[in-house]
Amino acid sequence: MLAYQFPGQGAQSAGFLHRLPQHPVVTATLDEASQVLGTDVLTLDTPDALRSTVAVQVGLVVAGVATARVLADAQLSPDISAGLSVGAYAAAVSCGALAFPDALRMVHKRAELMETAYPSGYGLAAISGLTERQLETLAANQTKDGLPQVYVGNVNAPRQIVMAGADAALDALIERALAAGARKATRLAVSVPSHCELLGDAADALIDYARNVPFQAPHSVYVGNRGGRPLHTADAIRDDLATNMRYTVRWFDALTVMLEMGAQVVVEAPPGQVLTDIVRDQWPQTKALALSSISPDQWVATVRRRLGPVSGER
């Protein structure tokens, strides 16, 4: 079985849209996105543009959908799709639950709400080497010391956790985590406190917006963020996308489900390869591939080779 995973905010790098394959399907996808949004999407991946949450989130969805379409053009389509945070929108398009133009408009709205709620002073920190429970204890202790509350934003692996909150509180937590034995603790290139109650009001506004967005039942499996479980109805996927900014992303649970369902090859859309590294670290027997790490003209051949005697074609 073939599974796709789509990265979230923090994976972006300058020029990532320009590094997509020189392929007619990519050109058509970029043109479609530009028309829907009323702007040239190839202006969204400059260093200046990437300071904007809107530019980053929209760009990631464009890259994810363009990637899925390149593979679909070669008759490769996923049995399972999942995306971390905003990557879930590309996953919803990939499995047929959401049309690309609607995904673009909803992500643009999502990013605007997040950026407006917290234009500065907040963000995320990734901490490796401590468990969720250990970090919750450290966060609770520093809240008792008078610092703002810090929240568990993502559980990417049992000892790879992303925390969300105010800058000063995150910086203090990084110091405490390193002192407590964390292998690594660093701030991410994200300027909003994603996946916690700080975005509750923004999530409520996106829920209202999403009521008028058409969703369909997926034609292949979609694995959600909030519960890390397969979702089979249009309404369930709408709710997952509209609310995921408010709740912890259970990415490790999502990956576990994908593999339990039989995923043998897990392909990560560009940019980056953090999600691939998680799979390789936690499930070394699984064939995990980050497309950003290979030449675009080798994407199709490499995926087919990893699938082996099972063609993966439909």
Protein backbone atom coordinates (compact mmCIF):
# COMPACT_ATOMS: atom_id res chain seq x y z
CA MET A 1 0.00 0.00 0.00
CA LEU A 2 1.11 3.52 -0.80
CA ALA A 3 0.70 6.34 1.74
CA TYR A 4 1.31 10.07 1.33
CA GLN A 5 2.28 12.42 4.13
CA PHE A 6 2.21 16.19 3.74
CA PRO A 7 4.35 18.45 5.98
CA GLY A 8 3.17 21.37 8.04
CA GLN A 9 4.42 24.85 8.79
CA GLY A 10 8.08 24.86 9.72
CA ALA A 11 9.09 22.68 6.76
CA GLN A 12 9.19 25.65 4.38
CA SER A 13 12.40 27.06 2.96
CA ALA A 14 13.09 29.91 0.55
CA GLY A 15 12.39 28.91 -3.05
CA PHE A 16 10.56 25.67 -2.23
CA LEU A 17 7.82 26.29 -4.82
CA HIS A 18 10.43 27.01 -7.47
CA ARG A 19 12.02 23.62 -6.79
CA LEU A 20 8.89 21.72 -7.82
CA PRO A 21 9.27 19.65 -11.04
CA GLN A 22 9.23 21.35 -14.40
CA HIS A 23 6.06 19.49 -15.33
CA PRO A 24 2.85 20.57 -17.12
CA VAL A 25 0.78 19.39 -14.15
CA VAL A 26 2.79 21.61 -11.80
CA THR A 27 2.45 24.59 -14.11
CA ALA A 28 -1.31 24.05 -14.28
CA THR A 29 -1.52 23.74 -10.48
CA LEU A 30 0.43 26.96 -9.93
CA ASP A 31 -1.74 28.77 -12.48
CA GLU A 32 -4.93 27.46 -10.87
CA ALA A 33 -3.80 28.55 -7.41
CA SER A 34 -2.79 31.99 -8.67
CA GLN A 35 -6.17 32.46 -10.30
CA VAL A 36 -8.09 31.36 -7.19
CA LEU A 37 -6.08 33.59 -4.86
CA GLY A 38 -5.65 36.54 -7.20
CA THR A 39 -1.89 36.60 -6.78
CA ASP A 40 1.14 34.91 -8.30
CA VAL A 41 1.81 32.04 -5.90
CA LEU A 42 5.44 31.90 -7.04
CA THR A 43 5.94 35.10 -5.04
CA LEU A 44 5.04 33.29 -1.81
CA ASP A 45 8.35 31.51 -1.22
CA THR A 46 10.79 34.42 -1.00
CA PRO A 47 12.53 34.97 2.35
CA ASP A 48 10.43 38.10 2.96
CA ALA A 49 7.17 36.41 1.98
CA LEU A 50 7.84 33.45 4.26
CA ARG A 51 7.60 35.73 7.28
CA SER A 52 3.85 35.62 6.63
CA THR A 53 1.82 32.74 8.05
CA VAL A 54 -0.58 33.14 5.10
CA ALA A 55 2.17 32.78 2.50
CA VAL A 56 3.69 29.75 4.21
CA GLN A 57 0.46 27.85 4.72
CA VAL A 58 -0.89 28.51 1.23
CA GLY A 59 2.46 27.63 -0.31
CA LEU A 60 2.64 24.31 1.52
CA VAL A 61 -0.80 23.29 0.27
CA VAL A 62 0.13 24.25 -3.30
CA ALA A 63 3.33 22.19 -3.09
CA GLY A 64 1.50 19.20 -1.65
CA VAL A 65 -1.26 19.18 -4.24
CA ALA A 66 1.18 19.73 -7.11
CA THR A 67 3.20 16.75 -5.89
CA ALA A 68 0.18 14.48 -5.66
CA ARG A 69 -0.87 15.52 -9.15
CA VAL A 70 2.56 14.76 -10.63
CA LEU A 71 2.35 11.23 -9.25
CA ALA A 72 -1.29 10.87 -10.31
CA ASP A 73 -0.29 11.82 -13.84
CA ALA A 74 1.89 8.68 -13.77
CA GLN A 75 -1.05 6.60 -12.45
CA LEU A 76 0.30 6.55 -8.91
CA SER A 77 -2.29 7.36 -6.27
CA PRO A 78 -2.29 6.84 -2.51
CA ASP A 79 -4.26 4.31 -0.53
CA ILE A 80 -3.84 6.52 2.55
CA SER A 81 -3.25 10.28 2.95
CA ALA A 82 -2.36 12.28 6.05
CA GLY A 83 -0.91 15.72 6.64
CA LEU A 84 0.55 17.40 9.68
CA SER A 85 -1.33 20.57 10.63
CA VAL A 86 -1.91 22.61 7.44
CA GLY A 87 -0.59 19.62 5.50
CA ALA A 88 -3.92 17.97 6.29
CA TYR A 89 -5.52 20.19 3.66
CA ALA A 90 -3.33 18.75 0.92
CA ALA A 91 -4.15 15.29 2.27
CA ALA A 92 -7.87 16.07 2.02
CA VAL A 93 -7.42 17.12 -1.61
CA SER A 94 -5.30 14.03 -2.27
CA CYS A 95 -8.06 11.66 -1.09
CA GLY A 96 -10.84 13.53 -2.90
CA ALA A 97 -12.58 14.96 0.16
CA LEU A 98 -11.94 18.62 -0.72
CA ALA A 99 -11.54 20.46 -4.02
CA PHE A 100 -8.24 22.30 -4.48
CA PRO A 101 -9.78 25.78 -4.89
CA ASP A 102 -11.84 25.31 -1.72
CA ALA A 103 -8.74 24.10 0.13
CA LEU A 104 -6.82 27.20 -0.93
CA ARG A 105 -9.56 29.57 0.18
CA MET A 106 -10.05 27.77 3.52
CA VAL A 107 -6.31 27.70 4.25
CA HIS A 108 -6.03 31.39 3.39
CA LYS A 109 -8.83 32.10 5.86
CA ARG A 110 -7.23 29.81 8.47
CA ALA A 111 -3.85 31.49 8.20
CA GLU A 112 -5.37 34.99 8.36
CA LEU A 113 -7.26 34.08 11.52
CA MET A 114 -4.13 32.66 13.15
CA GLU A 115 -1.94 35.59 12.14
CA THR A 116 -4.50 38.16 13.26
CA ALA A 117 -4.93 36.47 16.64
CA TYR A 118 -1.17 36.42 17.31
CA PRO A 119 0.76 38.76 15.00
CA SER A 120 3.90 38.53 17.13
CA GLY A 121 5.35 37.26 20.39
CA TYR A 122 4.29 33.63 20.07
CA GLY A 123 5.39 30.46 18.34
CA LEU A 124 6.53 26.85 18.65
CA ALA A 125 9.50 24.94 20.04
CA ALA A 126 10.53 21.39 19.11
CA ILE A 127 11.98 19.28 21.93
CA SER A 128 13.57 15.85 21.46
CA GLY A 129 14.46 13.36 24.17
CA LEU A 130 11.66 13.95 26.69
CA THR A 131 8.17 12.47 26.85
CA GLU A 132 4.88 14.35 26.65
CA ARG A 133 4.33 13.77 30.37
CA GLN A 134 7.77 15.12 31.27
CA LEU A 135 7.22 18.26 29.24
CA GLU A 136 3.75 18.80 30.70
CA THR A 137 5.34 18.65 34.16
CA LEU A 138 8.08 21.12 33.23
CA ALA A 139 5.50 23.46 31.70
CA ALA A 140 3.27 23.26 34.77
CA ASN A 141 6.19 24.04 37.06
CA GLN A 142 7.18 27.16 35.18
CA THR A 143 3.57 28.33 35.06
CA LYS A 144 3.61 28.13 38.86
CA ASP A 145 6.68 30.37 38.70
CA GLY A 146 4.65 33.06 36.96
CA LEU A 147 5.35 32.45 33.26
CA PRO A 148 2.52 32.16 30.70
CA GLN A 149 1.19 28.66 30.08
CA VAL A 150 2.86 26.52 27.43
CA TYR A 151 0.93 23.79 25.63
CA VAL A 152 1.67 20.49 23.91
CA GLY A 153 1.14 21.29 20.22
CA ASN A 154 2.34 18.19 18.36
CA VAL A 155 3.27 14.70 19.44
CA ASN A 156 5.38 13.68 16.46
CA ALA A 157 6.97 10.71 18.23
CA PRO A 158 7.05 9.48 21.85
CA ARG A 159 10.09 11.68 22.55
CA GLN A 160 9.69 14.31 19.84
CA ILE A 161 7.26 16.94 21.03
CA VAL A 162 6.37 20.43 19.80
CA MET A 163 5.30 22.98 22.40
CA ALA A 164 3.25 26.13 21.75
CA GLY A 165 3.06 29.42 23.60
CA ALA A 166 4.54 32.85 24.19
CA ASP A 167 8.16 33.51 23.21
CA ALA A 168 9.47 34.11 26.72
CA ALA A 169 7.73 31.01 28.08
CA LEU A 170 9.04 28.84 25.24
CA ASP A 171 12.59 30.10 25.70
CA ALA A 172 12.38 29.33 29.41
CA LEU A 173 10.98 25.86 28.69
CA ILE A 174 13.84 25.14 26.29
CA GLU A 175 16.31 25.87 29.10
CA ARG A 176 14.41 23.65 31.53
CA ALA A 177 14.11 20.84 28.98
CA LEU A 178 17.82 20.83 28.20
CA ALA A 179 18.61 20.82 31.91
CA ALA A 180 16.23 17.87 32.32
CA GLY A 181 18.05 15.81 29.69
CA ALA A 182 16.50 16.77 26.34
CA ARG A 183 18.78 15.92 23.41
CA LYS A 184 17.71 18.96 21.43
CA ALA A 185 15.39 21.91 21.95
CA THR A 186 14.94 24.66 19.41
CA ARG A 187 12.47 27.25 18.19
CA LEU A 188 10.67 26.56 14.90
CA ALA A 189 10.07 28.96 12.02
CA VAL A 190 6.44 29.43 13.05
CA SER A 191 5.16 32.72 14.46
CA VAL A 192 1.84 31.56 15.91
CA PRO A 193 1.02 29.23 18.85
CA SER A 194 -0.48 26.44 16.76
CA HIS A 195 -2.55 23.54 18.11
CA CYS A 196 -3.60 24.78 21.50
CA GLU A 197 -6.42 26.60 23.26
CA LEU A 198 -4.83 29.97 22.54
CA LEU A 199 -6.37 29.59 19.06
CA GLY A 200 -9.81 28.64 20.34
CA ASP A 201 -11.53 31.80 19.07
CA ALA A 202 -9.81 31.52 15.70
CA ALA A 203 -10.93 27.90 15.42
CA ASP A 204 -14.53 28.88 16.19
CA ALA A 205 -14.40 31.43 13.36
CA LEU A 206 -13.01 28.82 10.96
CA ILE A 207 -15.74 26.36 11.97
CA ASP A 208 -18.31 28.98 10.96
CA TYR A 209 -16.52 29.54 7.65
CA ALA A 210 -16.23 25.82 6.93
CA ARG A 211 -19.98 25.25 7.16
CA ASN A 212 -20.27 26.66 3.63
CA VAL A 213 -17.31 24.72 2.20
CA PRO A 214 -18.34 21.61 0.23
CA PHE A 215 -16.72 18.37 1.36
CA GLN A 216 -17.17 14.84 0.03
CA ALA A 217 -16.56 11.39 1.45
CA PRO A 218 -12.97 10.43 0.60
CA HIS A 219 -12.30 7.92 -2.19
CA SER A 220 -9.24 6.67 -0.28
CA VAL A 221 -8.32 6.72 3.40
CA TYR A 222 -7.83 10.06 5.17
CA VAL A 223 -6.18 9.98 8.61
CA GLY A 224 -6.99 12.94 10.83
CA ASN A 225 -4.84 15.15 13.07
CA ARG A 226 -6.85 15.49 16.25
CA GLY A 227 -7.40 11.81 16.95
CA GLY A 228 -4.87 10.20 14.66
CA ARG A 229 -7.60 7.97 13.25
CA PRO A 230 -9.14 7.29 9.83
CA LEU A 231 -12.09 9.55 9.03
CA HIS A 232 -14.66 8.32 6.53
CA THR A 233 -17.27 11.05 6.14
CA ALA A 234 -17.32 14.55 4.69
CA ASP A 235 -18.45 16.07 7.99
CA ALA A 236 -15.72 14.34 10.00
CA ILE A 237 -13.01 15.62 7.68
CA ARG A 238 -14.50 19.12 7.68
CA ASP A 239 -14.41 19.13 11.49
CA ASP A 240 -10.83 17.82 11.58
CA LEU A 241 -9.58 20.56 9.28
CA ALA A 242 -11.58 23.37 10.87
CA THR A 243 -10.54 22.55 14.43
CA ASN A 244 -6.99 21.23 14.13
CA MET A 245 -5.41 24.59 14.99
CA ARG A 246 -7.01 24.28 18.43
CA TYR A 247 -6.02 20.74 19.39
CA THR A 248 -2.82 18.78 19.81
CA VAL A 249 -1.72 17.04 16.60
CA ARG A 250 -1.41 13.32 17.35
CA TRP A 251 0.96 12.68 14.45
CA PHE A 252 2.60 9.60 15.94
CA ASP A 253 -0.84 8.04 16.36
CA ALA A 254 -1.67 8.91 12.74
CA LEU A 255 1.53 7.27 11.50
CA THR A 256 0.88 4.20 13.64
CA VAL A 257 -2.58 3.81 12.12
CA MET A 258 -1.24 4.21 8.58
CA LEU A 259 1.25 1.42 9.11
CA GLU A 260 -1.24 -0.80 10.93
CA MET A 261 -3.54 -0.44 7.93
CA GLY A 262 -0.81 -1.85 5.71
CA ALA A 263 1.16 1.12 4.36
CA GLN A 264 4.40 -0.29 2.96
CA VAL A 265 5.75 2.80 1.20
CA VAL A 266 5.35 6.24 2.80
CA VAL A 267 6.07 9.20 0.51
CA GLU A 268 6.54 12.71 1.92
CA ALA A 269 5.67 15.66 -0.31
CA PRO A 270 8.13 18.57 -0.38
CA PRO A 271 9.46 20.62 1.24
CA GLY A 272 11.63 18.95 3.86
CA GLN A 273 11.97 15.44 5.21
CA VAL A 274 11.19 15.68 8.93
CA LEU A 275 8.19 13.35 8.60
CA THR A 276 10.27 10.82 6.68
CA ASP A 277 12.94 10.91 9.38
CA ILE A 278 10.29 10.10 12.00
CA VAL A 279 9.14 7.05 10.05
CA ARG A 280 12.71 5.86 9.50
CA ASP A 281 13.55 6.30 13.18
CA GLN A 282 10.42 4.66 14.59
CA TRP A 283 9.75 2.03 11.89
CA PRO A 284 13.07 1.29 10.16
CA GLN A 285 11.55 -1.63 8.24
CA THR A 286 9.15 0.72 6.42
CA LYS A 287 10.12 2.19 3.06
CA ALA A 288 10.01 5.95 3.64
CA LEU A 289 10.84 8.46 0.94
CA ALA A 290 11.12 12.27 1.04
CA LEU A 291 10.65 13.52 -2.51
CA SER A 292 12.56 16.71 -1.71
CA SER A 293 15.70 14.60 -1.27
CA ILE A 294 15.74 13.26 -4.84
CA SER A 295 15.74 14.79 -8.31
CA PRO A 296 12.19 15.60 -9.48
CA ASP A 297 12.72 13.70 -12.71
CA GLN A 298 13.25 10.57 -10.59
CA TRP A 299 10.13 10.86 -8.45
CA VAL A 300 7.93 8.44 -10.36
CA ALA A 301 10.62 5.84 -11.00
CA THR A 302 11.75 5.92 -7.37
CA VAL A 303 8.24 5.50 -5.96
CA ARG A 304 7.57 2.61 -8.35
CA ARG A 305 10.85 0.97 -7.41
CA ARG A 306 10.03 1.24 -3.70
CA LEU A 307 6.63 -0.31 -4.31
CA GLY A 308 8.35 -3.27 -5.93
CA PRO A 309 6.18 -5.88 -7.63
CA VAL A 310 3.04 -4.06 -6.51
CA SER A 311 2.60 -1.36 -9.13
CA GLY A 312 0.57 1.02 -6.99
CA GLU A 313 -1.24 2.03 -10.19
CA ARG A 314 -4.93 2.56 -10.51
